[in-house]
Structures are given as structure tokens and as C-alpha cells.
């Protein structure tokens, strides 16, 4: 076996251009395959994965603060139908100025912490609010207005809020608020002409697989509070349906690109490796004349393809992962969801293994036929091939 290994390394060094071409093609194919596989994983139930990662709320309920107290709303988290809850957070309307000086009314939520047992908010950029005068805006509002971290959210002249510095852009699956501030930033007293504040409460339910389960929980919450306390509700099934409609339009295109990239990479590698083995058929005659068996010949040719391929794959795998990150950001942004992962170890390793398998299979198949030839026949075929070139 040592003679096979020595001959393999000698062939790699002797055929530098061939080895370099194999390495470059495998490197590019690895990057393409990793990108394709990553997009395939990203488009596999993206809303469900984002919902699990952020401990999304099955049910979001708003309450009229004129009809119910903070303590009463908080007590609904102990109802029999509720598995976990977060909040309540006070929400008030705030008037801001957007492009062209137009006025827009947005829901402003007082929330000190983006985390918690339910409905965690994911920061897309920047950080969370730490003091009065700071604000975090939703990615949807940022996209619609062009606002970004470091800029100022300008208040309208009749707003109950001052202009605030944007310190972060965030994503909430619930989408009940566009702006988050420190709770102390919210007005402490009602203002004439401005709707009264509301409380927002997030719930994860023990049973939430159907609309009937969620309706049962809403009834229990409503019955536990004074009449008129519940102002409205939204649930994850409706949000999931909207998200799935968006992904259903985009996924076929991403799948088509991914499958095409994987198949094209395999065909290119197989054609390159097969041609490289045929070009070296004269070497087969030389090896057989010095006593190499057909199996050893096949091992040498497979090895001289596999060595540069492995080196290229080792470099191509992390390169593909790094290259995939902007695509993951764009894909998640298009879906309106937070990023759920950055590195899919299993699929990426499988993709690299498949590429190396194609390299070995193509080399073995091309070398098997030549390896069965006699030394004289292989040498003659090699000379004829060189003459034609």
C-alpha cells in the first residue's frame, strides 16, 4: 500500500495543472452545493422554526386599561388553559413623521426586556433600549420608512412622545407593535384626543393546534375579567398562514436553484475527473509494467483525484458557509422572519461527502476499464492519445 501512496503523491506533484484544476472545480462546486443546501434547509418550514426559536406566542390579547388593571391582566397567566405567559406591556399610539413629512400613527410598546418565557423579540441590528430617549423600531417599519440604527424617529408636532434615537431594529412574530421604548417613556396620564392605553399579554397555550383550542382560551380569559376588558386578539395560526403563503411563492424558485446547482456540480466534477483519468492512460501502462495490479492502478488514480479534492473541500466548506450568510439574511428578510440558523452541520457535511463521492466514483469508473488493459495496450493508447492532442 505504501507504493500506491507514493505513486499517488508523485502523480499529484507531477500533474500540478491537473491537480489545480480538480481543486478549483471541487472548491467552486463545494461552495455552490453548501449554498444550495443551506437555502434548502432555510426554506423548510421557516415560520415553524422561527416560532420555536423565539418561543412565539400562540395567542396575543390586548386589554382596555380603562376597564382592567395591570394586576388583573397578569393574573390571566395562571388560567388552566395557559402554559406560559409574558407581559403585560402597555401600548399607546404615537404620531411620527415619515418620508415627505407625512404623519403616521404607530403603536408604541413599553417593554424593558426583549426576552422572556413567551414572545421573544429578535434584534436584527443594534441593541435594546436602556434609557429614556431611545427607541427600537420593527424591521417592517424600518423597511417602509428607510429608518436605521443611529437615526432619529421624529415625533409629530402633536405627539405625546419626543423625538427618539433609534438604537435597534427588531423582529417580532406577533407584529402587534412597531416601536418599543422603556416603560417609563410612556405617558403616565391620559391625553385629550388620544385613545386610552392598552395592555398586551402574550400566551403559550397547553392546547393550540386548532382555532377551536385558541377560541376556548380567549373565552376563558374574557370570562376571567370584567366585561369589555378584552379589546382584541390575534393568534399564531393566522400569522403562520400569512407566512406560509409568502414562502409558498418563493420556495419553488429556491428549490429549483438548489437542485440545479447540486446536479450541475456533480456532472461537472464527473466529466472533469473522467477526462483526467483518460488523459493519464499512458501512466497506467507504465504502472502495470512495473507490477501494479488493476486494483492498485484504480487506487492510484482515485487517490490523485481525491487528494486535491479533499484539500479543496476542506477550504470550500467554511467558504461556502460564510458566503451563505448574506443569502440567509436576504431569505429571512424576504419571509419577514428572524434568522433561525447560520450553519447546518449535517446537510453541509452531507454535501461535501457527496462531492467527494462523485470524485471517487468518476475516477474509479474511468480507471477500471483502463486498469484491465495490458501494459502494452495502455501504453499504445496513451501514445495515440498524445499524438491526437
Protein backbone atom coordinates (compact mmCIF):
# COMPACT_ATOMS: atom_id res chain seq x y z
CA UNK A 1 0.00 0.00 0.00
CA UNK A 2 2.97 2.32 0.59
CA UNK A 3 3.91 2.06 -3.10
CA UNK A 4 0.37 3.07 -4.06
CA UNK A 5 0.53 6.09 -1.74
CA UNK A 6 3.96 7.14 -3.02
CA UNK A 7 2.79 6.85 -6.63
CA UNK A 8 -0.34 8.83 -5.79
CA UNK A 9 1.59 11.73 -4.25
CA UNK A 10 4.12 11.65 -7.10
CA UNK A 11 1.29 11.90 -9.64
CA UNK A 12 -0.25 14.82 -7.77
CA UNK A 13 3.06 16.71 -7.76
CA UNK A 14 3.86 15.80 -11.38
CA UNK A 15 0.47 16.79 -12.73
CA UNK A 16 0.27 20.19 -10.99
CA UNK A 17 -2.05 21.76 -13.55
CA UNK A 18 -4.46 18.83 -13.45
CA UNK A 19 -4.44 18.80 -9.65
CA UNK A 20 -5.03 22.55 -9.57
CA UNK A 21 -7.98 22.28 -11.97
CA UNK A 22 -9.55 19.47 -9.93
CA UNK A 23 -9.08 21.50 -6.75
CA UNK A 24 -10.59 24.66 -8.25
CA UNK A 25 -13.63 22.85 -9.69
CA UNK A 26 -14.26 20.97 -6.43
CA UNK A 27 -13.78 24.18 -4.44
CA UNK A 28 -16.35 26.06 -6.53
CA UNK A 29 -18.72 23.07 -6.54
CA UNK A 30 -18.45 22.79 -2.75
CA UNK A 31 -19.32 26.46 -2.31
CA UNK A 32 -22.27 26.14 -4.69
CA UNK A 33 -23.52 22.96 -3.02
CA UNK A 34 -23.22 24.37 0.50
CA UNK A 35 -25.14 27.47 -0.58
CA UNK A 36 -27.84 25.35 -2.23
CA UNK A 37 -28.19 23.01 0.76
CA UNK A 38 -28.30 25.93 3.19
CA UNK A 39 -31.13 27.54 1.25
CA UNK A 40 -32.97 24.21 1.18
CA UNK A 41 -32.77 23.98 4.98
CA UNK A 42 -33.76 27.63 5.41
CA UNK A 43 -36.91 27.15 3.33
CA UNK A 44 -38.02 24.07 5.29
CA UNK A 45 -40.93 25.36 7.44
CA UNK A 46 -39.26 28.73 8.22
CA UNK A 47 -42.15 30.09 10.28
CA UNK A 48 -42.33 26.99 12.48
CA UNK A 49 -38.59 27.12 13.20
CA UNK A 50 -38.70 30.85 13.94
CA UNK A 51 -41.72 30.31 16.18
CA UNK A 52 -39.93 27.63 18.20
CA UNK A 53 -36.68 29.61 18.42
CA UNK A 54 -38.36 32.78 19.72
CA UNK A 55 -40.86 30.93 21.95
CA UNK A 56 -43.60 32.53 19.91
CA UNK A 57 -47.00 33.27 21.42
CA UNK A 58 -49.94 31.09 20.47
CA UNK A 59 -52.21 33.96 21.47
CA UNK A 60 -51.78 37.73 21.86
CA UNK A 61 -54.57 39.61 23.62
CA UNK A 62 -54.98 43.36 24.09
CA UNK A 63 -56.94 44.78 27.04
CA UNK A 64 -58.58 48.15 27.64
CA UNK A 65 -56.68 49.81 30.50
CA UNK A 66 -59.82 51.79 31.38
CA UNK A 67 -61.64 48.54 32.20
CA UNK A 68 -58.96 46.43 33.82
CA UNK A 69 -55.78 46.83 35.89
CA UNK A 70 -52.24 45.57 35.25
CA UNK A 71 -52.60 43.06 38.08
CA UNK A 72 -55.88 41.68 36.72
CA UNK A 73 -54.34 41.16 33.28
CA UNK A 74 -51.28 39.47 34.78
CA UNK A 75 -53.50 37.06 36.72
CA UNK A 76 -54.80 35.54 33.46
CA UNK A 77 -51.41 33.87 33.05
CA UNK A 78 -52.44 31.35 35.71
CA UNK A 79 -55.58 30.17 33.93
CA UNK A 80 -55.93 26.44 33.31
CA UNK A 81 -55.59 26.79 29.52
CA UNK A 82 -52.30 28.74 29.75
CA UNK A 83 -48.91 27.01 29.78
CA UNK A 84 -46.77 30.17 29.97
CA UNK A 85 -47.23 33.92 29.58
CA UNK A 86 -45.34 37.17 29.29
CA UNK A 87 -46.36 40.74 29.96
CA UNK A 88 -48.47 42.71 30.28
CA UNK A 89 -46.91 45.56 28.32
CA UNK A 90 -48.60 48.91 27.95
CA UNK A 91 -49.23 50.13 24.40
CA UNK A 92 -50.15 53.67 23.40
CA UNK A 93 -50.48 55.27 19.95
CA UNK A 94 -47.69 57.63 18.92
CA UNK A 95 -47.61 60.06 15.98
CA UNK A 96 -44.38 60.14 13.98
CA UNK A 97 -43.21 61.86 10.81
CA UNK A 98 -42.07 59.73 7.89
CA UNK A 99 -40.88 60.38 4.33
CA UNK A 100 -42.02 63.73 2.97
CA UNK A 101 -43.19 64.98 6.38
CA UNK A 102 -46.24 62.72 6.34
CA UNK A 103 -47.72 61.87 9.74
CA UNK A 104 -48.24 58.28 10.76
CA UNK A 105 -49.78 56.77 13.89
CA UNK A 106 -47.91 53.72 15.21
CA UNK A 107 -48.40 51.51 18.28
CA UNK A 108 -45.67 52.22 20.87
CA UNK A 109 -44.99 49.49 23.42
CA UNK A 110 -43.24 49.96 26.73
CA UNK A 111 -41.01 46.92 27.13
CA UNK A 112 -37.82 46.79 29.18
CA UNK A 113 -36.68 43.32 28.11
CA UNK A 114 -36.91 41.69 24.66
CA UNK A 115 -36.67 38.20 26.16
CA UNK A 116 -38.89 36.24 28.50
CA UNK A 117 -40.74 32.91 28.55
CA UNK A 118 -43.01 33.85 25.62
CA UNK A 119 -42.79 36.10 22.53
CA UNK A 120 -39.07 36.87 22.50
CA UNK A 121 -38.12 39.72 20.20
CA UNK A 122 -35.12 39.19 17.91
CA UNK A 123 -32.75 42.09 17.32
CA UNK A 124 -31.91 42.47 13.65
CA UNK A 125 -29.36 45.22 14.31
CA UNK A 126 -28.25 47.44 17.18
CA UNK A 127 -29.32 46.83 20.77
CA UNK A 128 -32.34 47.05 23.05
CA UNK A 129 -33.44 50.27 24.74
CA UNK A 130 -31.68 51.04 28.01
CA UNK A 131 -32.95 54.51 28.93
CA UNK A 132 -35.49 57.17 28.06
CA UNK A 133 -34.85 58.92 24.77
CA UNK A 134 -34.08 55.65 22.97
CA UNK A 135 -36.29 53.56 20.74
CA UNK A 136 -36.24 50.23 18.90
CA UNK A 137 -38.32 50.02 15.73
CA UNK A 138 -39.67 46.99 13.88
CA UNK A 139 -37.93 45.81 10.73
CA UNK A 140 -41.19 46.32 8.84
CA UNK A 141 -41.28 50.00 9.88
CA UNK A 142 -37.59 50.34 9.01
CA UNK A 143 -38.20 48.90 5.54
CA UNK A 144 -41.19 51.14 4.92
CA UNK A 145 -39.58 54.37 6.11
CA UNK A 146 -35.87 53.83 5.40
CA UNK A 147 -35.02 54.46 9.06
CA UNK A 148 -31.99 52.71 10.57
CA UNK A 149 -29.96 52.43 13.75
CA UNK A 150 -28.37 55.76 14.73
CA UNK A 151 -31.06 57.90 13.09
CA UNK A 152 -33.86 59.81 14.82
CA UNK A 153 -37.50 58.81 14.96
CA UNK A 154 -39.08 62.23 14.54
CA UNK A 155 -42.24 62.87 16.51
CA UNK A 156 -45.18 64.75 15.02
CA UNK A 157 -45.99 68.18 16.47
CA UNK A 158 -48.99 66.87 18.41
CA UNK A 159 -47.28 63.66 19.61
CA UNK A 160 -47.17 62.70 23.26
CA UNK A 161 -43.59 61.48 22.63
CA UNK A 162 -40.44 63.46 21.95
CA UNK A 163 -38.16 62.60 19.03
CA UNK A 164 -36.21 59.47 19.93
CA UNK A 165 -32.84 58.00 18.92
CA UNK A 166 -33.11 54.65 17.14
CA UNK A 167 -30.76 52.20 18.89
CA UNK A 168 -32.03 48.97 17.32
CA UNK A 169 -34.17 47.30 14.67
CA UNK A 170 -36.06 44.20 15.78
CA UNK A 171 -38.37 41.47 14.57
CA UNK A 172 -41.45 40.29 16.45
CA UNK A 173 -43.52 37.38 15.20
CA UNK A 174 -46.58 38.89 16.87
CA UNK A 175 -46.26 42.18 14.96
CA UNK A 176 -48.54 43.99 17.40
CA UNK A 177 -46.10 46.88 17.86
CA UNK A 178 -43.92 48.95 15.54
CA UNK A 179 -41.99 50.82 18.23
CA UNK A 180 -40.55 49.79 21.62
CA UNK A 181 -39.42 52.16 24.36
CA UNK A 182 -38.57 51.97 28.05
CA UNK A 183 -41.83 51.64 30.07
CA UNK A 184 -41.00 54.91 31.83
CA UNK A 185 -41.02 56.70 28.46
CA UNK A 186 -44.78 56.15 28.07
CA UNK A 187 -47.14 58.96 29.16
CA UNK A 188 -48.27 58.46 32.74
CA UNK A 189 -51.60 60.24 32.29
CA UNK A 190 -54.22 60.16 29.55
CA UNK A 191 -54.09 62.91 26.95
CA UNK A 192 -57.14 64.53 25.43
CA UNK A 193 -57.88 63.32 21.93
CA UNK A 194 -55.59 60.29 22.27
CA UNK A 195 -57.11 56.78 22.67
CA UNK A 196 -56.51 55.27 26.12
CA UNK A 197 -53.56 52.90 26.57
CA UNK A 198 -53.96 49.18 26.14
CA UNK A 199 -52.26 46.23 27.79
CA UNK A 200 -50.73 43.49 25.65
CA UNK A 201 -50.33 39.95 27.02
CA UNK A 202 -48.62 37.01 25.29
CA UNK A 203 -49.70 33.42 25.97
CA UNK A 204 -48.47 29.95 25.12
CA UNK A 205 -51.37 27.54 25.48
CA UNK A 206 -51.47 23.92 26.58
CA UNK A 207 -53.60 23.12 23.54
CA UNK A 208 -53.28 25.36 20.46
CA UNK A 209 -53.37 23.13 17.39
CA UNK A 210 -56.76 24.35 16.15
CA UNK A 211 -58.74 27.57 16.02
CA UNK A 212 -61.22 25.95 18.42
CA UNK A 213 -58.48 25.48 21.05
CA UNK A 214 -57.49 29.12 20.76
CA UNK A 215 -61.11 30.34 20.85
CA UNK A 216 -61.61 28.34 24.06
CA UNK A 217 -58.62 30.11 25.65
CA UNK A 218 -59.92 33.53 24.55
CA UNK A 219 -63.28 32.77 26.18
CA UNK A 220 -61.60 31.73 29.43
CA UNK A 221 -59.55 34.94 29.51
CA UNK A 222 -62.60 37.06 28.68
CA UNK A 223 -64.72 35.41 31.40
CA UNK A 224 -62.00 35.92 34.00
CA UNK A 225 -62.08 39.72 33.61
CA UNK A 226 -64.70 42.48 33.80
CA UNK A 227 -66.97 42.95 30.80
CA UNK A 228 -65.37 44.94 27.98
CA UNK A 229 -61.82 44.33 29.22
CA UNK A 230 -60.69 42.36 26.15
CA UNK A 231 -60.12 44.75 23.26
CA UNK A 232 -58.86 42.29 20.66
CA UNK A 233 -56.73 39.23 19.98
CA UNK A 234 -54.54 37.62 17.36
CA UNK A 235 -53.13 34.11 17.14
CA UNK A 236 -50.21 32.30 15.58
CA UNK A 237 -52.33 30.18 13.22
CA UNK A 238 -53.39 33.28 11.29
CA UNK A 239 -49.81 34.61 11.26
CA UNK A 240 -48.49 31.21 10.15
CA UNK A 241 -51.00 31.10 7.29
CA UNK A 242 -49.85 34.52 6.06
CA UNK A 243 -46.18 33.49 6.30
CA UNK A 244 -46.81 30.18 4.54
CA UNK A 245 -48.50 31.99 1.64
CA UNK A 246 -45.36 34.10 1.18
CA UNK A 247 -42.98 31.15 1.37
CA UNK A 248 -45.16 29.06 -0.97
CA UNK A 249 -44.49 31.60 -3.73
CA UNK A 250 -40.71 31.75 -3.16
CA UNK A 251 -39.82 28.17 -2.24
CA UNK A 252 -40.25 26.63 -5.75
CA UNK A 253 -37.65 29.05 -7.15
CA UNK A 254 -35.20 28.36 -4.33
CA UNK A 255 -35.70 24.62 -4.68
CA UNK A 256 -35.16 24.77 -8.44
CA UNK A 257 -31.92 26.73 -7.99
CA UNK A 258 -30.68 24.35 -5.28
CA UNK A 259 -31.38 21.18 -7.25
CA UNK A 260 -29.86 22.62 -10.42
CA UNK A 261 -26.71 23.68 -8.54
CA UNK A 262 -26.24 20.24 -6.99
CA UNK A 263 -26.79 18.34 -10.26
CA UNK A 264 -24.59 20.71 -12.27
CA UNK A 265 -21.77 20.38 -9.74
CA UNK A 266 -21.91 16.58 -9.87
CA UNK A 267 -21.89 16.47 -13.70
CA UNK A 268 -19.00 18.94 -13.99
CA UNK A 269 -16.88 17.01 -11.49
CA UNK A 270 -17.64 13.65 -13.08
CA UNK A 271 -16.73 14.94 -16.55
CA UNK A 272 -13.51 16.57 -15.34
CA UNK A 273 -12.28 13.59 -13.34
CA UNK A 274 -13.15 11.10 -16.06
CA UNK A 275 -11.27 13.15 -18.64
CA UNK A 276 -8.25 13.50 -16.35
CA UNK A 277 -8.04 9.72 -15.88
CA UNK A 278 -8.30 9.08 -19.62
CA UNK A 279 -5.57 11.68 -20.26
CA UNK A 280 -3.28 9.74 -17.96
CA UNK A 281 -3.88 6.33 -19.53
CA UNK A 282 -0.23 6.04 -20.57
CA UNK A 283 0.73 6.12 -16.88
CA UNK A 284 -1.46 3.05 -16.42
CA UNK A 285 0.72 1.16 -18.87
CA UNK A 286 3.86 2.24 -17.01
CA UNK A 287 2.43 1.20 -13.63
CA UNK A 288 1.27 -2.18 -14.92
CA UNK A 289 4.67 -2.83 -16.49
CA UNK A 290 6.33 -2.45 -13.06
CA UNK A 291 3.88 -4.82 -11.36
CA UNK A 292 0.89 -2.73 -10.25
CA UNK A 293 -2.35 -4.74 -10.11
CA UNK A 294 -5.59 -3.37 -11.62
CA UNK A 295 -6.85 -2.60 -8.10
CA UNK A 296 -3.67 -0.66 -7.30
CA UNK A 297 -3.95 1.27 -10.56
CA UNK A 298 -7.51 2.24 -9.70
CA UNK A 299 -6.40 3.25 -6.17
CA UNK A 300 -3.62 5.47 -7.56
CA UNK A 301 -5.89 7.30 -9.98
CA UNK A 302 -8.65 7.68 -7.40
CA UNK A 303 -6.11 8.97 -4.90
CA UNK A 304 -4.58 11.56 -7.20
CA UNK A 305 -8.08 12.98 -7.76
CA UNK A 306 -9.14 12.68 -4.14
CA UNK A 307 -6.11 14.42 -2.60
CA UNK A 308 -6.67 17.84 -4.27
CA UNK A 309 -10.44 17.34 -3.95
CA UNK A 310 -10.20 16.84 -0.18
CA UNK A 311 -7.99 19.89 0.23
CA UNK A 312 -10.41 21.96 -1.85
CA UNK A 313 -13.38 20.61 0.09
CA UNK A 314 -11.83 21.47 3.46
CA UNK A 315 -11.36 25.06 2.27
CA UNK A 316 -14.64 25.19 0.34
CA UNK A 317 -16.87 24.13 3.26
CA UNK A 318 -16.20 27.13 5.55
CA UNK A 319 -16.04 29.41 2.50
CA UNK A 320 -19.50 28.22 1.44
CA UNK A 321 -20.85 28.77 4.96
CA UNK A 322 -19.50 32.34 5.02
CA UNK A 323 -20.85 33.06 1.55
CA UNK A 324 -24.27 31.72 2.53
CA UNK A 325 -24.74 34.22 5.39
CA UNK A 326 -25.84 37.19 3.24
CA UNK A 327 -28.21 34.88 1.34
CA UNK A 328 -29.68 33.66 4.64
CA UNK A 329 -30.19 37.26 5.75
CA UNK A 330 -31.92 38.13 2.48
CA UNK A 331 -34.09 35.00 2.55
CA UNK A 332 -35.22 35.56 6.14
CA UNK A 333 -35.83 39.23 5.35
CA UNK A 334 -37.98 38.29 2.36
CA UNK A 335 -40.01 35.93 4.55
CA UNK A 336 -40.38 38.62 7.22
CA UNK A 337 -38.86 36.29 9.81
CA UNK A 338 -35.78 36.32 12.06
CA UNK A 339 -32.70 34.31 11.12
CA UNK A 340 -33.03 30.84 12.62
CA UNK A 341 -29.58 29.40 11.91
CA UNK A 342 -26.25 30.13 10.26
CA UNK A 343 -24.61 26.74 9.88
CA UNK A 344 -26.37 23.46 9.03
CA UNK A 345 -23.70 20.94 10.06
CA UNK A 346 -25.49 17.79 8.90
CA UNK A 347 -26.55 18.93 5.41
CA UNK A 348 -23.24 20.72 4.79
CA UNK A 349 -21.19 17.65 5.74
CA UNK A 350 -23.50 15.51 3.61
CA UNK A 351 -22.99 17.86 0.66
CA UNK A 352 -19.20 17.71 0.95
CA UNK A 353 -19.34 13.93 1.29
CA UNK A 354 -21.48 13.69 -1.85
CA UNK A 355 -18.99 15.77 -3.83
CA UNK A 356 -16.05 13.61 -2.73
CA UNK A 357 -18.08 10.50 -3.56
CA UNK A 358 -18.65 11.82 -7.10
CA UNK A 359 -14.89 12.42 -7.43
CA UNK A 360 -14.03 8.87 -6.32
CA UNK A 361 -16.83 7.25 -8.34
CA UNK A 362 -15.85 9.10 -11.53
CA UNK A 363 -12.16 8.21 -11.06
CA UNK A 364 -12.89 4.56 -10.31
CA UNK A 365 -15.26 4.12 -13.25
CA UNK A 366 -12.83 5.78 -15.66
CA UNK A 367 -9.81 3.86 -14.31
CA UNK A 368 -11.46 0.42 -14.14
CA UNK A 369 -11.64 -0.02 -17.89
CA UNK A 370 -8.11 1.23 -18.41
CA UNK A 371 -6.83 -0.83 -15.49
CA UNK A 372 -7.94 -4.07 -17.17
CA UNK A 373 -5.82 -3.35 -20.24
CA UNK A 374 -2.41 -4.89 -20.66
CA UNK A 375 0.66 -2.70 -20.15
CA UNK A 376 1.35 -2.65 -23.90
CA UNK A 377 -2.25 -1.74 -24.81
CA UNK A 378 -2.39 1.05 -22.24
CA UNK A 379 0.94 2.50 -23.37
CA UNK A 380 -0.16 2.35 -27.02
CA UNK A 381 -3.48 4.05 -26.22
CA UNK A 382 -1.62 6.71 -24.29
CA UNK A 383 0.75 7.44 -27.19
CA UNK A 384 -2.13 7.57 -29.66
CA UNK A 385 -3.99 9.97 -27.40
CA UNK A 386 -0.90 12.17 -27.10
CA UNK A 387 -0.45 12.14 -30.91
CA UNK A 388 -4.03 13.25 -31.42
CA UNK A 389 -3.51 16.09 -28.99
